[in-house]
């Protein structure tokens, strides 16, 4: 049931990593034009 609920967003349980991670840089998804 959980996999079916999240399939429209192309997410499945095996794609989630709950452990603490270290990252150096992030970005926010914005709307734009091409």
ModelCIF file with pLDDT and N, C-alpha, C, O atoms, coordinates in Angstrom:
data_MODEL
#
_entry.id   MODEL 
#
_entity.id                         1 
_entity.type                       polymer 
_entity.pdbx_number_of_molecules   1 
#
_entity_poly.entity_id                      1 
_entity_poly.type                           'polypeptide(L)' 
_entity_poly.nstd_linkage                   no 
_entity_poly.nstd_monomer                   no 
_entity_poly.pdbx_seq_one_letter_code       
;(UNK)(UNK)(UNK)(UNK)(UNK)(UNK)(UNK)(UNK)(UNK)(UNK)(UNK)(UNK)(UNK)(UNK)(UNK)(UNK)
(UNK)(UNK)(UNK)(UNK)(UNK)(UNK)(UNK)(UNK)(UNK)(UNK)(UNK)(UNK)(UNK)(UNK)(UNK)(UNK)
(UNK)(UNK)
;
_entity_poly.pdbx_seq_one_letter_code_can   XXXXXXXXXXXXXXXXXXXXXXXXXXXXXXXXXX 
_entity_poly.pdbx_strand_id                 A 
#
loop_
_entity_poly_seq.entity_id 
_entity_poly_seq.num 
_entity_poly_seq.mon_id 
_entity_poly_seq.hetero 
1 1  UNK n 
1 2  UNK n 
1 3  UNK n 
1 4  UNK n 
1 5  UNK n 
1 6  UNK n 
1 7  UNK n 
1 8  UNK n 
1 9  UNK n 
1 10 UNK n 
1 11 UNK n 
1 12 UNK n 
1 13 UNK n 
1 14 UNK n 
1 15 UNK n 
1 16 UNK n 
1 17 UNK n 
1 18 UNK n 
1 19 UNK n 
1 20 UNK n 
1 21 UNK n 
1 22 UNK n 
1 23 UNK n 
1 24 UNK n 
1 25 UNK n 
1 26 UNK n 
1 27 UNK n 
1 28 UNK n 
1 29 UNK n 
1 30 UNK n 
1 31 UNK n 
1 32 UNK n 
1 33 UNK n 
1 34 UNK n 
#
_struct_asym.id          A 
_struct_asym.entity_id   1 
#
loop_
_ma_qa_metric.id 
_ma_qa_metric.mode 
_ma_qa_metric.name 
_ma_qa_metric.software_group_id 
_ma_qa_metric.type 
1 global pLDDT . pLDDT 
2 local  pLDDT . pLDDT 
#
_ma_qa_metric_global.metric_id      1 
_ma_qa_metric_global.metric_value   57.59 
_ma_qa_metric_global.model_id       1 
_ma_qa_metric_global.ordinal_id     1 
#
loop_
_ma_qa_metric_local.label_asym_id 
_ma_qa_metric_local.label_comp_id 
_ma_qa_metric_local.label_seq_id 
_ma_qa_metric_local.metric_id 
_ma_qa_metric_local.metric_value 
_ma_qa_metric_local.model_id 
_ma_qa_metric_local.ordinal_id 
A UNK 1  2 36.00 1 1  
A UNK 2  2 37.00 1 2  
A UNK 3  2 36.00 1 3  
A UNK 4  2 36.00 1 4  
A UNK 5  2 36.00 1 5  
A UNK 6  2 37.00 1 6  
A UNK 7  2 40.00 1 7  
A UNK 8  2 45.00 1 8  
A UNK 9  2 51.00 1 9  
A UNK 10 2 54.00 1 10 
A UNK 11 2 49.00 1 11 
A UNK 12 2 50.00 1 12 
A UNK 13 2 48.00 1 13 
A UNK 14 2 49.00 1 14 
A UNK 15 2 51.00 1 15 
A UNK 16 2 48.00 1 16 
A UNK 17 2 47.00 1 17 
A UNK 18 2 43.00 1 18 
A UNK 19 2 46.00 1 19 
A UNK 20 2 47.00 1 20 
A UNK 21 2 53.00 1 21 
A UNK 22 2 55.00 1 22 
A UNK 23 2 60.00 1 23 
A UNK 24 2 63.00 1 24 
A UNK 25 2 84.00 1 25 
A UNK 26 2 86.00 1 26 
A UNK 27 2 87.00 1 27 
A UNK 28 2 88.00 1 28 
A UNK 29 2 89.00 1 29 
A UNK 30 2 85.00 1 30 
A UNK 31 2 87.00 1 31 
A UNK 32 2 80.00 1 32 
A UNK 33 2 79.00 1 33 
A UNK 34 2 76.00 1 34 
#
loop_
_atom_site.group_PDB 
_atom_site.id 
_atom_site.type_symbol 
_atom_site.label_atom_id 
_atom_site.label_alt_id 
_atom_site.label_comp_id 
_atom_site.label_asym_id 
_atom_site.label_entity_id 
_atom_site.label_seq_id 
_atom_site.pdbx_PDB_ins_code 
_atom_site.Cartn_x 
_atom_site.Cartn_y 
_atom_site.Cartn_z 
_atom_site.occupancy 
_atom_site.B_iso_or_equiv 
_atom_site.pdbx_formal_charge 
_atom_site.auth_seq_id 
_atom_site.auth_comp_id 
_atom_site.auth_asym_id 
_atom_site.auth_atom_id 
_atom_site.pdbx_PDB_model_num 
ATOM 1   N N  . UNK A 1 1  ? 0.839  -1.211 0.000   1.00 36.00 ? 1  UNK A N  1 
ATOM 2   C CA . UNK A 1 1  ? 0.000  0.000  0.000   1.00 36.00 ? 1  UNK A CA 1 
ATOM 3   C C  . UNK A 1 1  ? 0.859  1.239  0.000   1.00 36.00 ? 1  UNK A C  1 
ATOM 4   O O  . UNK A 1 1  ? 0.530  2.215  -0.675  1.00 36.00 ? 1  UNK A O  1 
ATOM 5   N N  . UNK A 1 2  ? 1.949  1.229  0.738   1.00 37.00 ? 2  UNK A N  1 
ATOM 6   C CA . UNK A 1 2  ? 2.830  2.393  0.775   1.00 37.00 ? 2  UNK A CA 1 
ATOM 7   C C  . UNK A 1 2  ? 3.465  2.648  -0.579  1.00 37.00 ? 2  UNK A C  1 
ATOM 8   O O  . UNK A 1 2  ? 3.565  3.801  -0.997  1.00 37.00 ? 2  UNK A O  1 
ATOM 9   N N  . UNK A 1 3  ? 3.897  1.608  -1.275  1.00 36.00 ? 3  UNK A N  1 
ATOM 10  C CA . UNK A 1 3  ? 4.522  1.764  -2.591  1.00 36.00 ? 3  UNK A CA 1 
ATOM 11  C C  . UNK A 1 3  ? 3.527  2.298  -3.584  1.00 36.00 ? 3  UNK A C  1 
ATOM 12  O O  . UNK A 1 3  ? 3.872  3.161  -4.391  1.00 36.00 ? 3  UNK A O  1 
ATOM 13  N N  . UNK A 1 4  ? 2.284  1.808  -3.553  1.00 36.00 ? 4  UNK A N  1 
ATOM 14  C CA . UNK A 1 4  ? 1.266  2.307  -4.483  1.00 36.00 ? 4  UNK A CA 1 
ATOM 15  C C  . UNK A 1 4  ? 0.941  3.765  -4.232  1.00 36.00 ? 4  UNK A C  1 
ATOM 16  O O  . UNK A 1 4  ? 0.698  4.514  -5.178  1.00 36.00 ? 4  UNK A O  1 
ATOM 17  N N  . UNK A 1 5  ? 0.931  4.184  -2.968  1.00 36.00 ? 5  UNK A N  1 
ATOM 18  C CA . UNK A 1 5  ? 0.581  5.577  -2.664  1.00 36.00 ? 5  UNK A CA 1 
ATOM 19  C C  . UNK A 1 5  ? 1.639  6.522  -3.162  1.00 36.00 ? 5  UNK A C  1 
ATOM 20  O O  . UNK A 1 5  ? 1.316  7.646  -3.548  1.00 36.00 ? 5  UNK A O  1 
ATOM 21  N N  . UNK A 1 6  ? 2.921  6.104  -3.169  1.00 37.00 ? 6  UNK A N  1 
ATOM 22  C CA . UNK A 1 6  ? 3.971  7.023  -3.558  1.00 37.00 ? 6  UNK A CA 1 
ATOM 23  C C  . UNK A 1 6  ? 4.431  6.831  -4.999  1.00 37.00 ? 6  UNK A C  1 
ATOM 24  O O  . UNK A 1 6  ? 5.323  7.558  -5.437  1.00 37.00 ? 6  UNK A O  1 
ATOM 25  N N  . UNK A 1 7  ? 3.877  5.903  -5.748  1.00 40.00 ? 7  UNK A N  1 
ATOM 26  C CA . UNK A 1 7  ? 4.336  5.659  -7.113  1.00 40.00 ? 7  UNK A CA 1 
ATOM 27  C C  . UNK A 1 7  ? 4.157  6.835  -8.044  1.00 40.00 ? 7  UNK A C  1 
ATOM 28  O O  . UNK A 1 7  ? 4.979  6.995  -8.946  1.00 40.00 ? 7  UNK A O  1 
ATOM 29  N N  . UNK A 1 8  ? 3.105  7.704  -7.887  1.00 45.00 ? 8  UNK A N  1 
ATOM 30  C CA . UNK A 1 8  ? 3.028  8.863  -8.787  1.00 45.00 ? 8  UNK A CA 1 
ATOM 31  C C  . UNK A 1 8  ? 4.226  9.788  -8.668  1.00 45.00 ? 8  UNK A C  1 
ATOM 32  O O  . UNK A 1 8  ? 4.560  10.471 -9.636  1.00 45.00 ? 8  UNK A O  1 
ATOM 33  N N  . UNK A 1 9  ? 4.886  9.834  -7.517  1.00 51.00 ? 9  UNK A N  1 
ATOM 34  C CA . UNK A 1 9  ? 6.058  10.687 -7.352  1.00 51.00 ? 9  UNK A CA 1 
ATOM 35  C C  . UNK A 1 9  ? 7.346  9.958  -7.690  1.00 51.00 ? 9  UNK A C  1 
ATOM 36  O O  . UNK A 1 9  ? 8.440  10.467 -7.444  1.00 51.00 ? 9  UNK A O  1 
ATOM 37  N N  . UNK A 1 10 ? 7.216  8.776  -8.251  1.00 54.00 ? 10 UNK A N  1 
ATOM 38  C CA . UNK A 1 10 ? 8.373  7.982  -8.653  1.00 54.00 ? 10 UNK A CA 1 
ATOM 39  C C  . UNK A 1 10 ? 9.284  7.647  -7.473  1.00 54.00 ? 10 UNK A C  1 
ATOM 40  O O  . UNK A 1 10 ? 10.500 7.559  -7.637  1.00 54.00 ? 10 UNK A O  1 
ATOM 41  N N  . UNK A 1 11 ? 8.696  7.457  -6.269  1.00 49.00 ? 11 UNK A N  1 
ATOM 42  C CA . UNK A 1 11 ? 9.464  7.133  -5.053  1.00 49.00 ? 11 UNK A CA 1 
ATOM 43  C C  . UNK A 1 11 ? 9.044  5.751  -4.567  1.00 49.00 ? 11 UNK A C  1 
ATOM 44  O O  . UNK A 1 11 ? 7.856  5.432  -4.570  1.00 49.00 ? 11 UNK A O  1 
ATOM 45  N N  . UNK A 1 12 ? 9.966  4.959  -4.167  1.00 50.00 ? 12 UNK A N  1 
ATOM 46  C CA . UNK A 1 12 ? 9.680  3.682  -3.517  1.00 50.00 ? 12 UNK A CA 1 
ATOM 47  C C  . UNK A 1 12 ? 10.489 3.587  -2.233  1.00 50.00 ? 12 UNK A C  1 
ATOM 48  O O  . UNK A 1 12 ? 11.440 4.341  -2.030  1.00 50.00 ? 12 UNK A O  1 
ATOM 49  N N  . UNK A 1 13 ? 10.102 2.649  -1.364  1.00 48.00 ? 13 UNK A N  1 
ATOM 50  C CA . UNK A 1 13 ? 10.725 2.543  -0.047  1.00 48.00 ? 13 UNK A CA 1 
ATOM 51  C C  . UNK A 1 13 ? 12.227 2.280  -0.125  1.00 48.00 ? 13 UNK A C  1 
ATOM 52  O O  . UNK A 1 13 ? 12.993 2.731  0.727   1.00 48.00 ? 13 UNK A O  1 
ATOM 53  N N  . UNK A 1 14 ? 12.629 1.557  -1.141  1.00 49.00 ? 14 UNK A N  1 
ATOM 54  C CA . UNK A 1 14 ? 14.053 1.222  -1.225  1.00 49.00 ? 14 UNK A CA 1 
ATOM 55  C C  . UNK A 1 14 ? 14.909 2.390  -1.669  1.00 49.00 ? 14 UNK A C  1 
ATOM 56  O O  . UNK A 1 14 ? 16.136 2.296  -1.704  1.00 49.00 ? 14 UNK A O  1 
ATOM 57  N N  . UNK A 1 15 ? 14.237 3.527  -2.020  1.00 51.00 ? 15 UNK A N  1 
ATOM 58  C CA . UNK A 1 15 ? 15.010 4.711  -2.411  1.00 51.00 ? 15 UNK A CA 1 
ATOM 59  C C  . UNK A 1 15 ? 15.258 5.646  -1.230  1.00 51.00 ? 15 UNK A C  1 
ATOM 60  O O  . UNK A 1 15 ? 15.922 6.670  -1.390  1.00 51.00 ? 15 UNK A O  1 
ATOM 61  N N  . UNK A 1 16 ? 14.750 5.322  -0.074  1.00 48.00 ? 16 UNK A N  1 
ATOM 62  C CA . UNK A 1 16 ? 14.876 6.199  1.098   1.00 48.00 ? 16 UNK A CA 1 
ATOM 63  C C  . UNK A 1 16 ? 16.007 5.678  1.973   1.00 48.00 ? 16 UNK A C  1 
ATOM 64  O O  . UNK A 1 16 ? 16.044 4.505  2.346   1.00 48.00 ? 16 UNK A O  1 
ATOM 65  N N  . UNK A 1 17 ? 16.931 6.585  2.289   1.00 47.00 ? 17 UNK A N  1 
ATOM 66  C CA . UNK A 1 17 ? 18.008 6.233  3.205   1.00 47.00 ? 17 UNK A CA 1 
ATOM 67  C C  . UNK A 1 17 ? 17.854 7.122  4.428   1.00 47.00 ? 17 UNK A C  1 
ATOM 68  O O  . UNK A 1 17 ? 18.051 8.334  4.346   1.00 47.00 ? 17 UNK A O  1 
ATOM 69  N N  . UNK A 1 18 ? 17.507 6.534  5.549   1.00 43.00 ? 18 UNK A N  1 
ATOM 70  C CA . UNK A 1 18 ? 17.189 7.314  6.753   1.00 43.00 ? 18 UNK A CA 1 
ATOM 71  C C  . UNK A 1 18 ? 18.427 7.669  7.560   1.00 43.00 ? 18 UNK A C  1 
ATOM 72  O O  . UNK A 1 18 ? 18.348 8.478  8.484   1.00 43.00 ? 18 UNK A O  1 
ATOM 73  N N  . UNK A 1 19 ? 19.584 7.069  7.223   1.00 46.00 ? 19 UNK A N  1 
ATOM 74  C CA . UNK A 1 19 ? 20.763 7.328  8.037   1.00 46.00 ? 19 UNK A CA 1 
ATOM 75  C C  . UNK A 1 19 ? 21.229 8.770  7.848   1.00 46.00 ? 19 UNK A C  1 
ATOM 76  O O  . UNK A 1 19 ? 20.916 9.414  6.846   1.00 46.00 ? 19 UNK A O  1 
ATOM 77  N N  . UNK A 1 20 ? 21.957 9.248  8.800   1.00 47.00 ? 20 UNK A N  1 
ATOM 78  C CA . UNK A 1 20 ? 22.483 10.599 8.741   1.00 47.00 ? 20 UNK A CA 1 
ATOM 79  C C  . UNK A 1 20 ? 23.575 10.664 7.683   1.00 47.00 ? 20 UNK A C  1 
ATOM 80  O O  . UNK A 1 20 ? 24.459 9.808  7.661   1.00 47.00 ? 20 UNK A O  1 
ATOM 81  N N  . UNK A 1 21 ? 23.531 11.684 6.786   1.00 53.00 ? 21 UNK A N  1 
ATOM 82  C CA . UNK A 1 21 ? 24.506 11.817 5.714   1.00 53.00 ? 21 UNK A CA 1 
ATOM 83  C C  . UNK A 1 21 ? 25.154 13.175 5.785   1.00 53.00 ? 21 UNK A C  1 
ATOM 84  O O  . UNK A 1 21 ? 24.630 14.107 6.395   1.00 53.00 ? 21 UNK A O  1 
ATOM 85  N N  . UNK A 1 22 ? 26.298 13.269 5.152   1.00 55.00 ? 22 UNK A N  1 
ATOM 86  C CA . UNK A 1 22 ? 27.008 14.539 5.067   1.00 55.00 ? 22 UNK A CA 1 
ATOM 87  C C  . UNK A 1 22 ? 26.983 15.014 3.615   1.00 55.00 ? 22 UNK A C  1 
ATOM 88  O O  . UNK A 1 22 ? 27.307 14.244 2.711   1.00 55.00 ? 22 UNK A O  1 
ATOM 89  N N  . UNK A 1 23 ? 26.616 16.228 3.388   1.00 60.00 ? 23 UNK A N  1 
ATOM 90  C CA . UNK A 1 23 ? 26.563 16.801 2.042   1.00 60.00 ? 23 UNK A CA 1 
ATOM 91  C C  . UNK A 1 23 ? 27.155 18.202 2.086   1.00 60.00 ? 23 UNK A C  1 
ATOM 92  O O  . UNK A 1 23 ? 27.110 18.881 3.111   1.00 60.00 ? 23 UNK A O  1 
ATOM 93  N N  . UNK A 1 24 ? 27.706 18.614 0.964   1.00 63.00 ? 24 UNK A N  1 
ATOM 94  C CA . UNK A 1 24 ? 28.412 19.897 0.940   1.00 63.00 ? 24 UNK A CA 1 
ATOM 95  C C  . UNK A 1 24 ? 27.582 21.028 0.332   1.00 63.00 ? 24 UNK A C  1 
ATOM 96  O O  . UNK A 1 24 ? 27.779 22.192 0.681   1.00 63.00 ? 24 UNK A O  1 
ATOM 97  N N  . UNK A 1 25 ? 26.666 20.702 -0.565  1.00 84.00 ? 25 UNK A N  1 
ATOM 98  C CA . UNK A 1 25 ? 25.930 21.776 -1.234  1.00 84.00 ? 25 UNK A CA 1 
ATOM 99  C C  . UNK A 1 25 ? 24.564 21.274 -1.652  1.00 84.00 ? 25 UNK A C  1 
ATOM 100 O O  . UNK A 1 25 ? 24.409 20.135 -2.092  1.00 84.00 ? 25 UNK A O  1 
ATOM 101 N N  . UNK A 1 26 ? 23.563 22.153 -1.506  1.00 86.00 ? 26 UNK A N  1 
ATOM 102 C CA . UNK A 1 26 ? 22.200 21.818 -1.909  1.00 86.00 ? 26 UNK A CA 1 
ATOM 103 C C  . UNK A 1 26 ? 21.655 22.922 -2.793  1.00 86.00 ? 26 UNK A C  1 
ATOM 104 O O  . UNK A 1 26 ? 22.239 23.999 -2.915  1.00 86.00 ? 26 UNK A O  1 
ATOM 105 N N  . UNK A 1 27 ? 20.512 22.622 -3.410  1.00 87.00 ? 27 UNK A N  1 
ATOM 106 C CA . UNK A 1 27 ? 19.800 23.607 -4.229  1.00 87.00 ? 27 UNK A CA 1 
ATOM 107 C C  . UNK A 1 27 ? 18.311 23.363 -4.076  1.00 87.00 ? 27 UNK A C  1 
ATOM 108 O O  . UNK A 1 27 ? 17.878 22.252 -3.774  1.00 87.00 ? 27 UNK A O  1 
ATOM 109 N N  . UNK A 1 28 ? 17.538 24.410 -4.286  1.00 88.00 ? 28 UNK A N  1 
ATOM 110 C CA . UNK A 1 28 ? 16.087 24.341 -4.172  1.00 88.00 ? 28 UNK A CA 1 
ATOM 111 C C  . UNK A 1 28 ? 15.490 24.310 -5.570  1.00 88.00 ? 28 UNK A C  1 
ATOM 112 O O  . UNK A 1 28 ? 15.861 25.107 -6.431  1.00 88.00 ? 28 UNK A O  1 
ATOM 113 N N  . UNK A 1 29 ? 14.572 23.392 -5.788  1.00 89.00 ? 29 UNK A N  1 
ATOM 114 C CA . UNK A 1 29 ? 13.908 23.276 -7.086  1.00 89.00 ? 29 UNK A CA 1 
ATOM 115 C C  . UNK A 1 29 ? 13.041 24.507 -7.321  1.00 89.00 ? 29 UNK A C  1 
ATOM 116 O O  . UNK A 1 29 ? 12.195 24.839 -6.491  1.00 89.00 ? 29 UNK A O  1 
ATOM 117 N N  . UNK A 1 30 ? 13.247 25.185 -8.451  1.00 85.00 ? 30 UNK A N  1 
ATOM 118 C CA . UNK A 1 30 ? 12.494 26.391 -8.779  1.00 85.00 ? 30 UNK A CA 1 
ATOM 119 C C  . UNK A 1 30 ? 11.789 26.210 -10.117 1.00 85.00 ? 30 UNK A C  1 
ATOM 120 O O  . UNK A 1 30 ? 12.142 25.345 -10.919 1.00 85.00 ? 30 UNK A O  1 
ATOM 121 N N  . UNK A 1 31 ? 10.793 27.041 -10.333 1.00 87.00 ? 31 UNK A N  1 
ATOM 122 C CA . UNK A 1 31 ? 10.102 27.081 -11.625 1.00 87.00 ? 31 UNK A CA 1 
ATOM 123 C C  . UNK A 1 31 ? 10.827 28.057 -12.554 1.00 87.00 ? 31 UNK A C  1 
ATOM 124 O O  . UNK A 1 31 ? 11.312 29.099 -12.112 1.00 87.00 ? 31 UNK A O  1 
ATOM 125 N N  . UNK A 1 32 ? 10.896 27.721 -13.821 1.00 80.00 ? 32 UNK A N  1 
ATOM 126 C CA . UNK A 1 32 ? 11.569 28.598 -14.775 1.00 80.00 ? 32 UNK A CA 1 
ATOM 127 C C  . UNK A 1 32 ? 11.109 28.314 -16.194 1.00 80.00 ? 32 UNK A C  1 
ATOM 128 O O  . UNK A 1 32 ? 10.070 27.693 -16.417 1.00 80.00 ? 32 UNK A O  1 
ATOM 129 N N  . UNK A 1 33 ? 11.887 28.773 -17.127 1.00 79.00 ? 33 UNK A N  1 
ATOM 130 C CA . UNK A 1 33 ? 11.595 28.558 -18.543 1.00 79.00 ? 33 UNK A CA 1 
ATOM 131 C C  . UNK A 1 33 ? 12.865 28.111 -19.251 1.00 79.00 ? 33 UNK A C  1 
ATOM 132 O O  . UNK A 1 33 ? 13.980 28.319 -18.772 1.00 79.00 ? 33 UNK A O  1 
ATOM 133 N N  . UNK A 1 34 ? 12.661 27.498 -20.391 1.00 76.00 ? 34 UNK A N  1 
ATOM 134 C CA . UNK A 1 34 ? 13.787 26.967 -21.157 1.00 76.00 ? 34 UNK A CA 1 
ATOM 135 C C  . UNK A 1 34 ? 13.715 27.496 -22.574 1.00 76.00 ? 34 UNK A C  1 
ATOM 136 O O  . UNK A 1 34 ? 14.570 27.174 -23.398 1.00 76.00 ? 34 UNK A O  1 
#
